[in-house]
Amino acid sequence: MMKWKIIDNFLFCLMFLLAGCGGVNPNPTTKAEPSAKSASKDTSTPPMLGMVNPALKYCTDHGHKLTPVKEGSIVRYYLCINDSAHKKCSANAYYRGDCVL
């Protein structure tokens, strides 16, 4: 009798745990087709794949331009450029306040 109680409790717990692991999403999202504008090769702004880099957003929100600095084909950092004042510094330094544009 005790053996069946243990098995019942184990199966209940297993069922409870598995219920939270799966399921069907009732509102699946579909990916939109890329527009002609996004299909062009624009290297002035970084690609947005997930979370936004706050330093890059800070630079563009203040009306400045971003330029990638590459070593070969790898982007190492971005320059934040103020064309009207003819000043530039790294986007991270501008974000931290180490550089004034």
PDB file of N, CA and C in Angstrom:
ATOM      1  N   MET A   1       0.815  -1.182   0.000  1.00  0.00           N
ATOM      2  CA  MET A   1       0.000   0.000   0.000  1.00  0.00           C
ATOM      3  C   MET A   1       0.869   1.259   0.000  1.00  0.00           C
ATOM      4  N   MET A   2       1.889   1.282   0.852  1.00  0.00           N
ATOM      5  CA  MET A   2       2.794   2.418   0.927  1.00  0.00           C
ATOM      6  C   MET A   2       3.552   2.594  -0.385  1.00  0.00           C
ATOM      7  N   LYS A   3       3.880   1.466  -1.034  1.00  0.00           N
ATOM      8  CA  LYS A   3       4.612   1.503  -2.296  1.00  0.00           C
ATOM      9  C   LYS A   3       3.793   2.239  -3.364  1.00  0.00           C
ATOM     10  N   TRP A   4       2.496   2.001  -3.430  1.00  0.00           N
ATOM     11  CA  TRP A   4       1.645   2.644  -4.433  1.00  0.00           C
ATOM     12  C   TRP A   4       1.476   4.131  -4.137  1.00  0.00           C
ATOM     13  N   LYS A   5       1.459   4.489  -2.893  1.00  0.00           N
ATOM     14  CA  LYS A   5       1.351   5.904  -2.512  1.00  0.00           C
ATOM     15  C   LYS A   5       2.589   6.674  -2.977  1.00  0.00           C
ATOM     16  N   ILE A   6       3.755   6.073  -2.827  1.00  0.00           N
ATOM     17  CA  ILE A   6       5.004   6.693  -3.272  1.00  0.00           C
ATOM     18  C   ILE A   6       5.010   6.817  -4.792  1.00  0.00           C
ATOM     19  N   ILE A   7       4.583   5.782  -5.486  1.00  0.00           N
ATOM     20  CA  ILE A   7       4.542   5.816  -6.951  1.00  0.00           C
ATOM     21  C   ILE A   7       3.546   6.871  -7.422  1.00  0.00           C
ATOM     22  N   ASP A   8       2.382   6.962  -6.799  1.00  0.00           N
ATOM     23  CA  ASP A   8       1.380   7.969  -7.164  1.00  0.00           C
ATOM     24  C   ASP A   8       1.928   9.377  -6.969  1.00  0.00           C
ATOM     25  N   ASN A   9       2.591   9.613  -5.848  1.00  0.00           N
ATOM     26  CA  ASN A   9       3.171  10.944  -5.580  1.00  0.00           C
ATOM     27  C   ASN A   9       4.263  11.280  -6.592  1.00  0.00           C
ATOM     28  N   PHE A  10       5.084  10.280  -6.923  1.00  0.00           N
ATOM     29  CA  PHE A  10       6.139  10.499  -7.909  1.00  0.00           C
ATOM     30  C   PHE A  10       5.545  10.844  -9.275  1.00  0.00           C
ATOM     31  N   LEU A  11       4.527  10.098  -9.703  1.00  0.00           N
ATOM     32  CA  LEU A  11       3.900  10.363 -11.007  1.00  0.00           C
ATOM     33  C   LEU A  11       3.213  11.726 -11.026  1.00  0.00           C
ATOM     34  N   PHE A  12       2.592  12.118  -9.914  1.00  0.00           N
ATOM     35  CA  PHE A  12       1.957  13.429  -9.837  1.00  0.00           C
ATOM     36  C   PHE A  12       2.996  14.535  -9.993  1.00  0.00           C
ATOM     37  N   CYS A  13       4.104  14.410  -9.285  1.00  0.00           N
ATOM     38  CA  CYS A  13       5.164  15.415  -9.372  1.00  0.00           C
ATOM     39  C   CYS A  13       5.764  15.463 -10.769  1.00  0.00           C
ATOM     40  N   LEU A  14       5.972  14.308 -11.368  1.00  0.00           N
ATOM     41  CA  LEU A  14       6.525  14.246 -12.714  1.00  0.00           C
ATOM     42  C   LEU A  14       5.589  14.904 -13.711  1.00  0.00           C
ATOM     43  N   MET A  15       4.287  14.623 -13.585  1.00  0.00           N
ATOM     44  CA  MET A  15       3.300  15.216 -14.476  1.00  0.00           C
ATOM     45  C   MET A  15       3.263  16.734 -14.298  1.00  0.00           C
ATOM     46  N   PHE A  16       3.341  17.194 -13.069  1.00  0.00           N
ATOM     47  CA  PHE A  16       3.334  18.619 -12.770  1.00  0.00           C
ATOM     48  C   PHE A  16       4.552  19.320 -13.375  1.00  0.00           C
ATOM     49  N   LEU A  17       5.714  18.712 -13.262  1.00  0.00           N
ATOM     50  CA  LEU A  17       6.936  19.299 -13.806  1.00  0.00           C
ATOM     51  C   LEU A  17       6.914  19.323 -15.329  1.00  0.00           C
ATOM     52  N   LEU A  18       6.458  18.243 -15.927  1.00  0.00           N
ATOM     53  CA  LEU A  18       6.422  18.177 -17.387  1.00  0.00           C
ATOM     54  C   LEU A  18       5.381  19.106 -17.988  1.00  0.00           C
ATOM     55  N   ALA A  19       4.335  19.406 -17.261  1.00  0.00           N
ATOM     56  CA  ALA A  19       3.298  20.303 -17.773  1.00  0.00           C
ATOM     57  C   ALA A  19       3.856  21.710 -17.991  1.00  0.00           C
ATOM     58  N   GLY A  20       4.801  22.119 -17.193  1.00  0.00           N
ATOM     59  CA  GLY A  20       5.380  23.451 -17.343  1.00  0.00           C
ATOM     60  C   GLY A  20       6.485  23.525 -18.374  1.00  0.00           C
ATOM     61  N   CYS A  21       6.914  22.402 -18.911  1.00  0.00           N
ATOM     62  CA  CYS A  21       8.045  22.394 -19.841  1.00  0.00           C
ATOM     63  C   CYS A  21       7.657  22.536 -21.296  1.00  0.00           C
ATOM     64  N   GLY A  22       6.447  22.306 -21.627  1.00  0.00           N
ATOM     65  CA  GLY A  22       6.094  22.312 -23.044  1.00  0.00           C
ATOM     66  C   GLY A  22       4.803  23.038 -23.285  1.00  0.00           C
ATOM     67  N   GLY A  23       4.227  22.714 -24.395  1.00  0.00           N
ATOM     68  CA  GLY A  23       2.962  23.322 -24.751  1.00  0.00           C
ATOM     69  C   GLY A  23       3.065  24.012 -26.087  1.00  0.00           C
ATOM     70  N   VAL A  24       1.925  24.347 -26.602  1.00  0.00           N
ATOM     71  CA  VAL A  24       1.855  25.008 -27.896  1.00  0.00           C
ATOM     72  C   VAL A  24       1.576  26.476 -27.661  1.00  0.00           C
ATOM     73  N   ASN A  25       2.300  27.310 -28.344  1.00  0.00           N
ATOM     74  CA  ASN A  25       2.099  28.742 -28.252  1.00  0.00           C
ATOM     75  C   ASN A  25       0.845  29.090 -29.044  1.00  0.00           C
ATOM     76  N   PRO A  26      -0.209  29.618 -28.399  1.00  0.00           N
ATOM     77  CA  PRO A  26      -1.436  29.909 -29.133  1.00  0.00           C
ATOM     78  C   PRO A  26      -1.305  31.110 -30.062  1.00  0.00           C
ATOM     79  N   ASN A  27      -0.290  31.953 -29.849  1.00  0.00           N
ATOM     80  CA  ASN A  27      -0.095  33.143 -30.682  1.00  0.00           C
ATOM     81  C   ASN A  27       1.317  33.159 -31.249  1.00  0.00           C
ATOM     82  N   PRO A  28       1.617  32.274 -32.196  1.00  0.00           N
ATOM     83  CA  PRO A  28       2.976  32.280 -32.735  1.00  0.00           C
ATOM     84  C   PRO A  28       3.239  33.553 -33.523  1.00  0.00           C
ATOM     85  N   THR A  29       4.466  34.031 -33.400  1.00  0.00           N
ATOM     86  CA  THR A  29       4.833  35.223 -34.157  1.00  0.00           C
ATOM     87  C   THR A  29       5.470  34.794 -35.462  1.00  0.00           C
ATOM     88  N   THR A  30       5.203  35.542 -36.494  1.00  0.00           N
ATOM     89  CA  THR A  30       5.790  35.244 -37.793  1.00  0.00           C
ATOM     90  C   THR A  30       6.786  36.327 -38.121  1.00  0.00           C
ATOM     91  N   LYS A  31       7.827  35.948 -38.797  1.00  0.00           N
ATOM     92  CA  LYS A  31       8.845  36.914 -39.184  1.00  0.00           C
ATOM     93  C   LYS A  31       8.394  37.635 -40.441  1.00  0.00           C
ATOM     94  N   ALA A  32       8.545  38.935 -40.425  1.00  0.00           N
ATOM     95  CA  ALA A  32       8.187  39.735 -41.583  1.00  0.00           C
ATOM     96  C   ALA A  32       9.288  39.639 -42.630  1.00  0.00           C
ATOM     97  N   GLU A  33       8.897  39.770 -43.853  1.00  0.00           N
ATOM     98  CA  GLU A  33       9.871  39.780 -44.943  1.00  0.00           C
ATOM     99  C   GLU A  33      10.697  41.052 -44.851  1.00  0.00           C
ATOM    100  N   PRO A  34      12.003  40.977 -45.086  1.00  0.00           N
ATOM    101  CA  PRO A  34      12.823  42.189 -45.014  1.00  0.00           C
ATOM    102  C   PRO A  34      12.444  43.165 -46.111  1.00  0.00           C
ATOM    103  N   SER A  35      12.399  44.424 -45.757  1.00  0.00           N
ATOM    104  CA  SER A  35      12.066  45.438 -46.744  1.00  0.00           C
ATOM    105  C   SER A  35      13.280  45.735 -47.611  1.00  0.00           C
ATOM    106  N   ALA A  36      13.045  46.430 -48.698  1.00  0.00           N
ATOM    107  CA  ALA A  36      14.134  46.769 -49.610  1.00  0.00           C
ATOM    108  C   ALA A  36      15.159  47.658 -48.911  1.00  0.00           C
ATOM    109  N   LYS A  37      14.689  48.521 -47.995  1.00  0.00           N
ATOM    110  CA  LYS A  37      15.596  49.407 -47.280  1.00  0.00           C
ATOM    111  C   LYS A  37      16.530  48.624 -46.359  1.00  0.00           C
ATOM    112  N   SER A  38      15.973  47.623 -45.640  1.00  0.00           N
ATOM    113  CA  SER A  38      16.813  46.865 -44.714  1.00  0.00           C
ATOM    114  C   SER A  38      17.728  45.889 -45.437  1.00  0.00           C
ATOM    115  N   ALA A  39      17.420  45.566 -46.692  1.00  0.00           N
ATOM    116  CA  ALA A  39      18.251  44.632 -47.443  1.00  0.00           C
ATOM    117  C   ALA A  39      19.529  45.296 -47.950  1.00  0.00           C
ATOM    118  N   SER A  40      19.566  46.633 -47.987  1.00  0.00           N
ATOM    119  CA  SER A  40      20.757  47.312 -48.471  1.00  0.00           C
ATOM    120  C   SER A  40      21.867  47.206 -47.440  1.00  0.00           C
ATOM    121  N   LYS A  41      23.101  47.300 -47.910  1.00  0.00           N
ATOM    122  CA  LYS A  41      24.265  47.215 -47.013  1.00  0.00           C
ATOM    123  C   LYS A  41      24.554  48.596 -46.447  1.00  0.00           C
ATOM    124  N   ASP A  42      24.112  48.838 -45.231  1.00  0.00           N
ATOM    125  CA  ASP A  42      24.344  50.107 -44.564  1.00  0.00           C
ATOM    126  C   ASP A  42      25.261  49.855 -43.380  1.00  0.00           C
ATOM    127  N   THR A  43      26.491  50.341 -43.449  1.00  0.00           N
ATOM    128  CA  THR A  43      27.456  50.084 -42.380  1.00  0.00           C
ATOM    129  C   THR A  43      27.529  51.233 -41.390  1.00  0.00           C
ATOM    130  N   SER A  44      26.673  52.273 -41.540  1.00  0.00           N
ATOM    131  CA  SER A  44      26.756  53.405 -40.627  1.00  0.00           C
ATOM    132  C   SER A  44      26.134  53.093 -39.275  1.00  0.00           C
ATOM    133  N   THR A  45      25.209  52.145 -39.208  1.00  0.00           N
ATOM    134  CA  THR A  45      24.628  51.752 -37.930  1.00  0.00           C
ATOM    135  C   THR A  45      24.832  50.261 -37.729  1.00  0.00           C
ATOM    136  N   PRO A  46      25.044  49.842 -36.497  1.00  0.00           N
ATOM    137  CA  PRO A  46      25.285  48.422 -36.240  1.00  0.00           C
ATOM    138  C   PRO A  46      24.007  47.608 -36.420  1.00  0.00           C
ATOM    139  N   PRO A  47      24.132  46.332 -36.746  1.00  0.00           N
ATOM    140  CA  PRO A  47      22.939  45.500 -36.860  1.00  0.00           C
ATOM    141  C   PRO A  47      22.328  45.272 -35.482  1.00  0.00           C
ATOM    142  N   MET A  48      21.017  45.319 -35.398  1.00  0.00           N
ATOM    143  CA  MET A  48      20.327  45.117 -34.134  1.00  0.00           C
ATOM    144  C   MET A  48      19.819  43.681 -34.072  1.00  0.00           C
ATOM    145  N   LEU A  49      20.498  42.860 -33.295  1.00  0.00           N
ATOM    146  CA  LEU A  49      20.157  41.453 -33.217  1.00  0.00           C
ATOM    147  C   LEU A  49      19.389  41.098 -31.953  1.00  0.00           C
ATOM    148  N   GLY A  50      19.545  41.841 -30.935  1.00  0.00           N
ATOM    149  CA  GLY A  50      18.908  41.511 -29.666  1.00  0.00           C
ATOM    150  C   GLY A  50      18.759  42.763 -28.853  1.00  0.00           C
ATOM    151  N   MET A  51      19.471  42.809 -27.770  1.00  0.00           N
ATOM    152  CA  MET A  51      19.432  43.990 -26.925  1.00  0.00           C
ATOM    153  C   MET A  51      20.202  45.133 -27.581  1.00  0.00           C
ATOM    154  N   VAL A  52      19.721  46.326 -27.375  1.00  0.00           N
ATOM    155  CA  VAL A  52      20.358  47.515 -27.933  1.00  0.00           C
ATOM    156  C   VAL A  52      21.508  47.934 -27.035  1.00  0.00           C
ATOM    157  N   ASN A  53      22.655  48.229 -27.652  1.00  0.00           N
ATOM    158  CA  ASN A  53      23.798  48.740 -26.906  1.00  0.00           C
ATOM    159  C   ASN A  53      23.458  50.164 -26.470  1.00  0.00           C
ATOM    160  N   PRO A  54      23.413  50.450 -25.170  1.00  0.00           N
ATOM    161  CA  PRO A  54      23.009  51.778 -24.717  1.00  0.00           C
ATOM    162  C   PRO A  54      23.951  52.887 -25.179  1.00  0.00           C
ATOM    163  N   ALA A  55      25.225  52.588 -25.361  1.00  0.00           N
ATOM    164  CA  ALA A  55      26.168  53.617 -25.818  1.00  0.00           C
ATOM    165  C   ALA A  55      25.862  54.024 -27.258  1.00  0.00           C
ATOM    166  N   LEU A  56      25.516  53.068 -28.098  1.00  0.00           N
ATOM    167  CA  LEU A  56      25.197  53.385 -29.491  1.00  0.00           C
ATOM    168  C   LEU A  56      23.890  54.150 -29.585  1.00  0.00           C
ATOM    169  N   LYS A  57      22.917  53.767 -28.782  1.00  0.00           N
ATOM    170  CA  LYS A  57      21.630  54.465 -28.778  1.00  0.00           C
ATOM    171  C   LYS A  57      21.803  55.886 -28.256  1.00  0.00           C
ATOM    172  N   TYR A  58      22.615  56.054 -27.227  1.00  0.00           N
ATOM    173  CA  TYR A  58      22.869  57.375 -26.651  1.00  0.00           C
ATOM    174  C   TYR A  58      23.473  58.307 -27.702  1.00  0.00           C
ATOM    175  N   CYS A  59      24.401  57.782 -28.479  1.00  0.00           N
ATOM    176  CA  CYS A  59      25.049  58.578 -29.516  1.00  0.00           C
ATOM    177  C   CYS A  59      24.044  59.032 -30.571  1.00  0.00           C
ATOM    178  N   THR A  60      23.261  58.093 -31.089  1.00  0.00           N
ATOM    179  CA  THR A  60      22.312  58.446 -32.149  1.00  0.00           C
ATOM    180  C   THR A  60      21.159  59.287 -31.614  1.00  0.00           C
ATOM    181  N   ASP A  61      20.757  59.068 -30.360  1.00  0.00           N
ATOM    182  CA  ASP A  61      19.684  59.876 -29.771  1.00  0.00           C
ATOM    183  C   ASP A  61      20.085  61.338 -29.630  1.00  0.00           C
ATOM    184  N   HIS A  62      21.386  61.603 -29.520  1.00  0.00           N
ATOM    185  CA  HIS A  62      21.870  62.984 -29.417  1.00  0.00           C
ATOM    186  C   HIS A  62      22.207  63.583 -30.785  1.00  0.00           C
ATOM    187  N   GLY A  63      21.805  62.899 -31.854  1.00  0.00           N
ATOM    188  CA  GLY A  63      21.956  63.440 -33.197  1.00  0.00           C
ATOM    189  C   GLY A  63      23.308  63.225 -33.840  1.00  0.00           C
ATOM    190  N   HIS A  64      24.107  62.343 -33.291  1.00  0.00           N
ATOM    191  CA  HIS A  64      25.433  62.088 -33.851  1.00  0.00           C
ATOM    192  C   HIS A  64      25.394  60.865 -34.759  1.00  0.00           C
ATOM    193  N   LYS A  65      26.473  60.666 -35.476  1.00  0.00           N
ATOM    194  CA  LYS A  65      26.583  59.575 -36.436  1.00  0.00           C
ATOM    195  C   LYS A  65      27.524  58.504 -35.898  1.00  0.00           C
ATOM    196  N   LEU A  66      27.229  57.239 -36.205  1.00  0.00           N
ATOM    197  CA  LEU A  66      28.082  56.128 -35.795  1.00  0.00           C
ATOM    198  C   LEU A  66      28.877  55.605 -36.980  1.00  0.00           C
ATOM    199  N   THR A  67      30.142  55.316 -36.739  1.00  0.00           N
ATOM    200  CA  THR A  67      31.002  54.712 -37.758  1.00  0.00           C
ATOM    201  C   THR A  67      31.741  53.537 -37.130  1.00  0.00           C
ATOM    202  N   PRO A  68      31.648  52.354 -37.744  1.00  0.00           N
ATOM    203  CA  PRO A  68      32.362  51.209 -37.179  1.00  0.00           C
ATOM    204  C   PRO A  68      33.857  51.291 -37.449  1.00  0.00           C
ATOM    205  N   VAL A  69      34.659  50.882 -36.488  1.00  0.00           N
ATOM    206  CA  VAL A  69      36.109  50.771 -36.655  1.00  0.00           C
ATOM    207  C   VAL A  69      36.414  49.281 -36.684  1.00  0.00           C
ATOM    208  N   LYS A  70      36.964  48.837 -37.827  1.00  0.00           N
ATOM    209  CA  LYS A  70      37.156  47.404 -38.046  1.00  0.00           C
ATOM    210  C   LYS A  70      38.627  47.025 -38.059  1.00  0.00           C
ATOM    211  N   GLU A  71      38.873  45.785 -37.671  1.00  0.00           N
ATOM    212  CA  GLU A  71      40.165  45.136 -37.875  1.00  0.00           C
ATOM    213  C   GLU A  71      39.867  43.950 -38.770  1.00  0.00           C
ATOM    214  N   GLY A  72      40.203  44.083 -40.025  1.00  0.00           N
ATOM    215  CA  GLY A  72      39.810  43.064 -40.992  1.00  0.00           C
ATOM    216  C   GLY A  72      38.313  43.165 -41.222  1.00  0.00           C
ATOM    217  N   SER A  73      37.590  42.088 -40.994  1.00  0.00           N
ATOM    218  CA  SER A  73      36.143  42.117 -41.164  1.00  0.00           C
ATOM    219  C   SER A  73      35.408  42.174 -39.828  1.00  0.00           C
ATOM    220  N   ILE A  74      36.147  42.324 -38.728  1.00  0.00           N
ATOM    221  CA  ILE A  74      35.542  42.327 -37.389  1.00  0.00           C
ATOM    222  C   ILE A  74      35.439  43.758 -36.877  1.00  0.00           C
ATOM    223  N   VAL A  75      34.234  44.151 -36.460  1.00  0.00           N
ATOM    224  CA  VAL A  75      34.025  45.474 -35.883  1.00  0.00           C
ATOM    225  C   VAL A  75      34.528  45.453 -34.445  1.00  0.00           C
ATOM    226  N   ARG A  76      35.498  46.314 -34.141  1.00  0.00           N
ATOM    227  CA  ARG A  76      36.083  46.366 -32.797  1.00  0.00           C
ATOM    228  C   ARG A  76      35.336  47.351 -31.896  1.00  0.00           C
ATOM    229  N   TYR A  77      34.969  48.516 -32.424  1.00  0.00           N
ATOM    230  CA  TYR A  77      34.207  49.496 -31.659  1.00  0.00           C
ATOM    231  C   TYR A  77      33.593  50.480 -32.638  1.00  0.00           C
ATOM    232  N   TYR A  78      32.778  51.397 -32.127  1.00  0.00           N
ATOM    233  CA  TYR A  78      32.122  52.401 -32.954  1.00  0.00           C
ATOM    234  C   TYR A  78      32.565  53.788 -32.521  1.00  0.00           C
ATOM    235  N   LEU A  79      32.757  54.637 -33.507  1.00  0.00           N
ATOM    236  CA  LEU A  79      33.044  56.044 -33.249  1.00  0.00           C
ATOM    237  C   LEU A  79      31.741  56.825 -33.299  1.00  0.00           C
ATOM    238  N   CYS A  80      31.569  57.702 -32.359  1.00  0.00           N
ATOM    239  CA  CYS A  80      30.437  58.623 -32.347  1.00  0.00           C
ATOM    240  C   CYS A  80      30.979  59.941 -32.908  1.00  0.00           C
ATOM    241  N   ILE A  81      30.359  60.430 -33.980  1.00  0.00           N
ATOM    242  CA  ILE A  81      30.905  61.576 -34.699  1.00  0.00           C
ATOM    243  C   ILE A  81      29.902  62.730 -34.700  1.00  0.00           C
ATOM    244  N   ASN A  82      30.389  63.907 -34.310  1.00  0.00           N
ATOM    245  CA  ASN A  82      29.618  65.142 -34.384  1.00  0.00           C
ATOM    246  C   ASN A  82      30.180  65.930 -35.557  1.00  0.00           C
ATOM    247  N   ASP A  83      29.487  65.863 -36.699  1.00  0.00           N
ATOM    248  CA  ASP A  83      29.982  66.515 -37.914  1.00  0.00           C
ATOM    249  C   ASP A  83      30.036  68.030 -37.788  1.00  0.00           C
ATOM    250  N   SER A  84      29.058  68.637 -37.111  1.00  0.00           N
ATOM    251  CA  SER A  84      29.026  70.105 -37.030  1.00  0.00           C
ATOM    252  C   SER A  84      30.171  70.662 -36.185  1.00  0.00           C
ATOM    253  N   ALA A  85      30.594  69.947 -35.164  1.00  0.00           N
ATOM    254  CA  ALA A  85      31.693  70.409 -34.313  1.00  0.00           C
ATOM    255  C   ALA A  85      33.028  69.789 -34.716  1.00  0.00           C
ATOM    256  N   HIS A  86      33.017  68.906 -35.710  1.00  0.00           N
ATOM    257  CA  HIS A  86      34.223  68.210 -36.184  1.00  0.00           C
ATOM    258  C   HIS A  86      34.929  67.487 -35.043  1.00  0.00           C
ATOM    259  N   LYS A  87      34.132  66.783 -34.207  1.00  0.00           N
ATOM    260  CA  LYS A  87      34.686  66.018 -33.099  1.00  0.00           C
ATOM    261  C   LYS A  87      34.240  64.572 -33.215  1.00  0.00           C
ATOM    262  N   LYS A  88      35.075  63.677 -32.689  1.00  0.00           N
ATOM    263  CA  LYS A  88      34.704  62.265 -32.655  1.00  0.00           C
ATOM    264  C   LYS A  88      35.389  61.593 -31.476  1.00  0.00           C
ATOM    265  N   CYS A  89      34.731  60.560 -30.952  1.00  0.00           N
ATOM    266  CA  CYS A  89      35.306  59.721 -29.906  1.00  0.00           C
ATOM    267  C   CYS A  89      34.549  58.399 -29.899  1.00  0.00           C
ATOM    268  N   SER A  90      35.034  57.453 -29.136  1.00  0.00           N
ATOM    269  CA  SER A  90      34.352  56.159 -29.115  1.00  0.00           C
ATOM    270  C   SER A  90      32.970  56.332 -28.479  1.00  0.00           C
ATOM    271  N   ALA A  91      32.025  55.539 -28.960  1.00  0.00           N
ATOM    272  CA  ALA A  91      30.656  55.634 -28.445  1.00  0.00           C
ATOM    273  C   ALA A  91      30.612  55.344 -26.949  1.00  0.00           C
ATOM    274  N   ASN A  92      31.425  54.404 -26.488  1.00  0.00           N
ATOM    275  CA  ASN A  92      31.442  54.077 -25.063  1.00  0.00           C
ATOM    276  C   ASN A  92      31.986  55.224 -24.222  1.00  0.00           C
ATOM    277  N   ALA A  93      33.034  55.899 -24.717  1.00  0.00           N
ATOM    278  CA  ALA A  93      33.599  57.032 -23.977  1.00  0.00           C
ATOM    279  C   ALA A  93      32.588  58.176 -23.910  1.00  0.00           C
ATOM    280  N   TYR A  94      31.873  58.409 -24.994  1.00  0.00           N
ATOM    281  CA  TYR A  94      30.850  59.447 -25.017  1.00  0.00           C
ATOM    282  C   TYR A  94      29.726  59.115 -24.032  1.00  0.00           C
ATOM    283  N   TYR A  95      29.326  57.872 -23.991  1.00  0.00           N
ATOM    284  CA  TYR A  95      28.274  57.417 -23.095  1.00  0.00           C
ATOM    285  C   TYR A  95      28.684  57.572 -21.628  1.00  0.00           C
ATOM    286  N   ARG A  96      29.936  57.266 -21.308  1.00  0.00           N
ATOM    287  CA  ARG A  96      30.435  57.387 -19.928  1.00  0.00           C
ATOM    288  C   ARG A  96      30.667  58.845 -19.520  1.00  0.00           C
ATOM    289  N   GLY A  97      30.754  59.754 -20.506  1.00  0.00           N
ATOM    290  CA  GLY A  97      31.024  61.146 -20.202  1.00  0.00           C
ATOM    291  C   GLY A  97      32.490  61.484 -20.231  1.00  0.00           C
ATOM    292  N   ASP A  98      33.328  60.549 -20.722  1.00  0.00           N
ATOM    293  CA  ASP A  98      34.773  60.781 -20.812  1.00  0.00           C
ATOM    294  C   ASP A  98      35.129  61.665 -22.000  1.00  0.00           C
ATOM    295  N   CYS A  99      34.182  61.883 -22.887  1.00  0.00           N
ATOM    296  CA  CYS A  99      34.424  62.641 -24.112  1.00  0.00           C
ATOM    297  C   CYS A  99      33.211  63.541 -24.357  1.00  0.00           C
ATOM    298  N   VAL A 100      33.435  64.761 -24.781  1.00  0.00           N
ATOM    299  CA  VAL A 100      32.350  65.710 -25.057  1.00  0.00           C
ATOM    300  C   VAL A 100      32.337  65.988 -26.547  1.00  0.00           C
ATOM    301  N   LEU A 101      31.158  65.837 -27.135  1.00  0.00           N
ATOM    302  CA  LEU A 101      31.038  66.125 -28.582  1.00  0.00           C
ATOM    303  C   LEU A 101      30.325  67.424 -28.819  1.00  0.00           C
TER     304      LEU A 101
END
